[in-house]
Amino acid sequence: MKNIEELRNNLSSLFDQIKTGQMDVKAAAEMNNTAGKIISTLKVQLDYAARHEYIATTVTQRMNQLCAYAKAGVPWTDFYQPEAVDAEWHTRYQALPL
């Protein structure tokens, strides 16, 4: 299987074979269990990618903001407040799913 559509088609075929009695229920259960594990790994992979994309986007936005301040000649002490930044980032990243 190369993608989720093939998996879906195989599971549909499996369901039809069970209905017609062409496949043993125990074997079908094992195949269904394996398919569930494949789907779970795909979900973890997608969640991981989404989480890291969110972090990368946030960091990029923050860097762009800092560069804009620097280009405008704003002293870094006027916009950099470590306590506020740490609290904001802590709040954001605690809410992200693993």
C-alpha atoms as a PDB file:
ATOM      1  CA  MET A   1       0.000   0.000   0.000  1.00  0.00           C
ATOM      2  CA  LYS A   2       1.361   3.353  -1.032  1.00  0.00           C
ATOM      3  CA  ASN A   3      -1.297   5.724   0.337  1.00  0.00           C
ATOM      4  CA  ILE A   4      -4.428   6.013   2.446  1.00  0.00           C
ATOM      5  CA  GLU A   5      -6.714   5.520  -0.561  1.00  0.00           C
ATOM      6  CA  GLU A   6      -5.203   2.090  -1.236  1.00  0.00           C
ATOM      7  CA  LEU A   7      -5.650   1.224   2.431  1.00  0.00           C
ATOM      8  CA  ARG A   8      -9.279   2.330   2.291  1.00  0.00           C
ATOM      9  CA  ASN A   9      -9.867   0.277  -0.864  1.00  0.00           C
ATOM     10  CA  ASN A  10      -8.245  -2.786   0.716  1.00  0.00           C
ATOM     11  CA  LEU A  11     -10.395  -2.430   3.824  1.00  0.00           C
ATOM     12  CA  SER A  12     -13.522  -2.088   1.684  1.00  0.00           C
ATOM     13  CA  SER A  13     -12.537  -5.232  -0.183  1.00  0.00           C
ATOM     14  CA  LEU A  14     -11.898  -6.960   3.135  1.00  0.00           C
ATOM     15  CA  PHE A  15     -15.367  -5.989   4.330  1.00  0.00           C
ATOM     16  CA  ASP A  16     -16.936  -7.404   1.148  1.00  0.00           C
ATOM     17  CA  GLN A  17     -14.991 -10.671   1.549  1.00  0.00           C
ATOM     18  CA  ILE A  18     -16.212 -11.022   5.126  1.00  0.00           C
ATOM     19  CA  LYS A  19     -19.813 -10.411   4.054  1.00  0.00           C
ATOM     20  CA  THR A  20     -19.610 -13.073   1.347  1.00  0.00           C
ATOM     21  CA  GLY A  21     -17.798 -15.554   3.610  1.00  0.00           C
ATOM     22  CA  GLN A  22     -14.635 -15.608   1.486  1.00  0.00           C
ATOM     23  CA  MET A  23     -12.436 -14.608   4.416  1.00  0.00           C
ATOM     24  CA  ASP A  24     -12.121 -15.960   7.903  1.00  0.00           C
ATOM     25  CA  VAL A  25     -13.287 -13.479  10.543  1.00  0.00           C
ATOM     26  CA  LYS A  26     -10.162 -14.030  12.654  1.00  0.00           C
ATOM     27  CA  ALA A  27      -7.830 -13.250   9.737  1.00  0.00           C
ATOM     28  CA  ALA A  28      -9.920 -10.214   8.860  1.00  0.00           C
ATOM     29  CA  ALA A  29      -9.722  -9.002  12.461  1.00  0.00           C
ATOM     30  CA  GLU A  30      -5.930  -9.227  12.352  1.00  0.00           C
ATOM     31  CA  MET A  31      -5.811  -7.309   9.077  1.00  0.00           C
ATOM     32  CA  ASN A  32      -8.157  -4.677  10.506  1.00  0.00           C
ATOM     33  CA  ASN A  33      -5.967  -4.385  13.607  1.00  0.00           C
ATOM     34  CA  THR A  34      -2.890  -3.864  11.445  1.00  0.00           C
ATOM     35  CA  ALA A  35      -4.691  -1.233   9.377  1.00  0.00           C
ATOM     36  CA  GLY A  36      -5.607   0.584  12.589  1.00  0.00           C
ATOM     37  CA  LYS A  37      -1.964   0.651  13.596  1.00  0.00           C
ATOM     38  CA  ILE A  38      -0.977   2.051  10.196  1.00  0.00           C
ATOM     39  CA  ILE A  39      -3.599   4.776  10.522  1.00  0.00           C
ATOM     40  CA  SER A  40      -2.393   5.599  14.043  1.00  0.00           C
ATOM     41  CA  THR A  41       1.195   6.041  12.855  1.00  0.00           C
ATOM     42  CA  LEU A  42      -0.004   8.320  10.047  1.00  0.00           C
ATOM     43  CA  LYS A  43      -1.947  10.410  12.558  1.00  0.00           C
ATOM     44  CA  VAL A  44       1.119  10.778  14.780  1.00  0.00           C
ATOM     45  CA  GLN A  45       3.215  11.767  11.787  1.00  0.00           C
ATOM     46  CA  LEU A  46       0.688  14.409  10.692  1.00  0.00           C
ATOM     47  CA  ASP A  47       0.324  15.798  14.230  1.00  0.00           C
ATOM     48  CA  TYR A  48       4.110  16.010  14.570  1.00  0.00           C
ATOM     49  CA  ALA A  49       4.441  17.841  11.256  1.00  0.00           C
ATOM     50  CA  ALA A  50       1.625  20.262  12.134  1.00  0.00           C
ATOM     51  CA  ARG A  51       3.160  21.015  15.523  1.00  0.00           C
ATOM     52  CA  HIS A  52       6.589  21.743  14.090  1.00  0.00           C
ATOM     53  CA  GLU A  53       5.117  23.833  11.291  1.00  0.00           C
ATOM     54  CA  TYR A  54       3.286  25.910  13.924  1.00  0.00           C
ATOM     55  CA  ILE A  55       6.502  26.416  15.914  1.00  0.00           C
ATOM     56  CA  ALA A  56       8.502  27.334  12.809  1.00  0.00           C
ATOM     57  CA  THR A  57       5.819  29.824  11.730  1.00  0.00           C
ATOM     58  CA  THR A  58       5.736  31.415  15.183  1.00  0.00           C
ATOM     59  CA  VAL A  59       9.513  31.730  15.344  1.00  0.00           C
ATOM     60  CA  THR A  60       9.612  33.222  11.838  1.00  0.00           C
ATOM     61  CA  GLN A  61       6.932  35.755  12.741  1.00  0.00           C
ATOM     62  CA  ARG A  62       8.806  36.736  15.902  1.00  0.00           C
ATOM     63  CA  MET A  63      12.094  37.096  13.997  1.00  0.00           C
ATOM     64  CA  ASN A  64      10.395  39.279  11.360  1.00  0.00           C
ATOM     65  CA  GLN A  65       8.980  41.457  14.130  1.00  0.00           C
ATOM     66  CA  LEU A  66      12.395  41.798  15.766  1.00  0.00           C
ATOM     67  CA  CYS A  67      14.009  42.681  12.413  1.00  0.00           C
ATOM     68  CA  ALA A  68      11.364  45.355  11.808  1.00  0.00           C
ATOM     69  CA  TYR A  69      12.102  46.881  15.223  1.00  0.00           C
ATOM     70  CA  ALA A  70      15.836  46.819  14.498  1.00  0.00           C
ATOM     71  CA  LYS A  71      15.374  48.455  11.072  1.00  0.00           C
ATOM     72  CA  ALA A  72      13.212  51.151  12.677  1.00  0.00           C
ATOM     73  CA  GLY A  73      16.023  51.888  15.115  1.00  0.00           C
ATOM     74  CA  VAL A  74      14.066  50.859  18.197  1.00  0.00           C
ATOM     75  CA  PRO A  75      16.456  49.898  21.023  1.00  0.00           C
ATOM     76  CA  TRP A  76      16.121  46.224  21.898  1.00  0.00           C
ATOM     77  CA  THR A  77      15.469  47.120  25.549  1.00  0.00           C
ATOM     78  CA  ASP A  78      12.213  48.808  24.476  1.00  0.00           C
ATOM     79  CA  PHE A  79      10.663  45.673  23.008  1.00  0.00           C
ATOM     80  CA  TYR A  80      12.456  42.740  24.605  1.00  0.00           C
ATOM     81  CA  GLN A  81      10.898  41.736  27.888  1.00  0.00           C
ATOM     82  CA  PRO A  82      12.142  38.233  28.773  1.00  0.00           C
ATOM     83  CA  GLU A  83       9.462  37.583  31.392  1.00  0.00           C
ATOM     84  CA  ALA A  84       6.631  38.398  28.979  1.00  0.00           C
ATOM     85  CA  VAL A  85       8.197  36.400  26.139  1.00  0.00           C
ATOM     86  CA  ASP A  86       8.832  33.382  28.374  1.00  0.00           C
ATOM     87  CA  ALA A  87       5.270  33.467  29.721  1.00  0.00           C
ATOM     88  CA  GLU A  88       3.794  33.776  26.221  1.00  0.00           C
ATOM     89  CA  TRP A  89       5.853  30.919  24.780  1.00  0.00           C
ATOM     90  CA  HIS A  90       5.242  28.717  27.810  1.00  0.00           C
ATOM     91  CA  THR A  91       1.490  29.221  27.423  1.00  0.00           C
ATOM     92  CA  ARG A  92       1.536  28.511  23.681  1.00  0.00           C
ATOM     93  CA  TYR A  93       3.658  25.389  23.778  1.00  0.00           C
ATOM     94  CA  GLN A  94       1.995  23.845  26.823  1.00  0.00           C
ATOM     95  CA  ALA A  95      -1.265  23.871  24.836  1.00  0.00           C
ATOM     96  CA  LEU A  96       0.188  21.979  21.869  1.00  0.00           C
ATOM     97  CA  PRO A  97      -0.595  18.285  21.623  1.00  0.00           C
ATOM     98  CA  LEU A  98       2.349  15.909  21.588  1.00  0.00           C
END
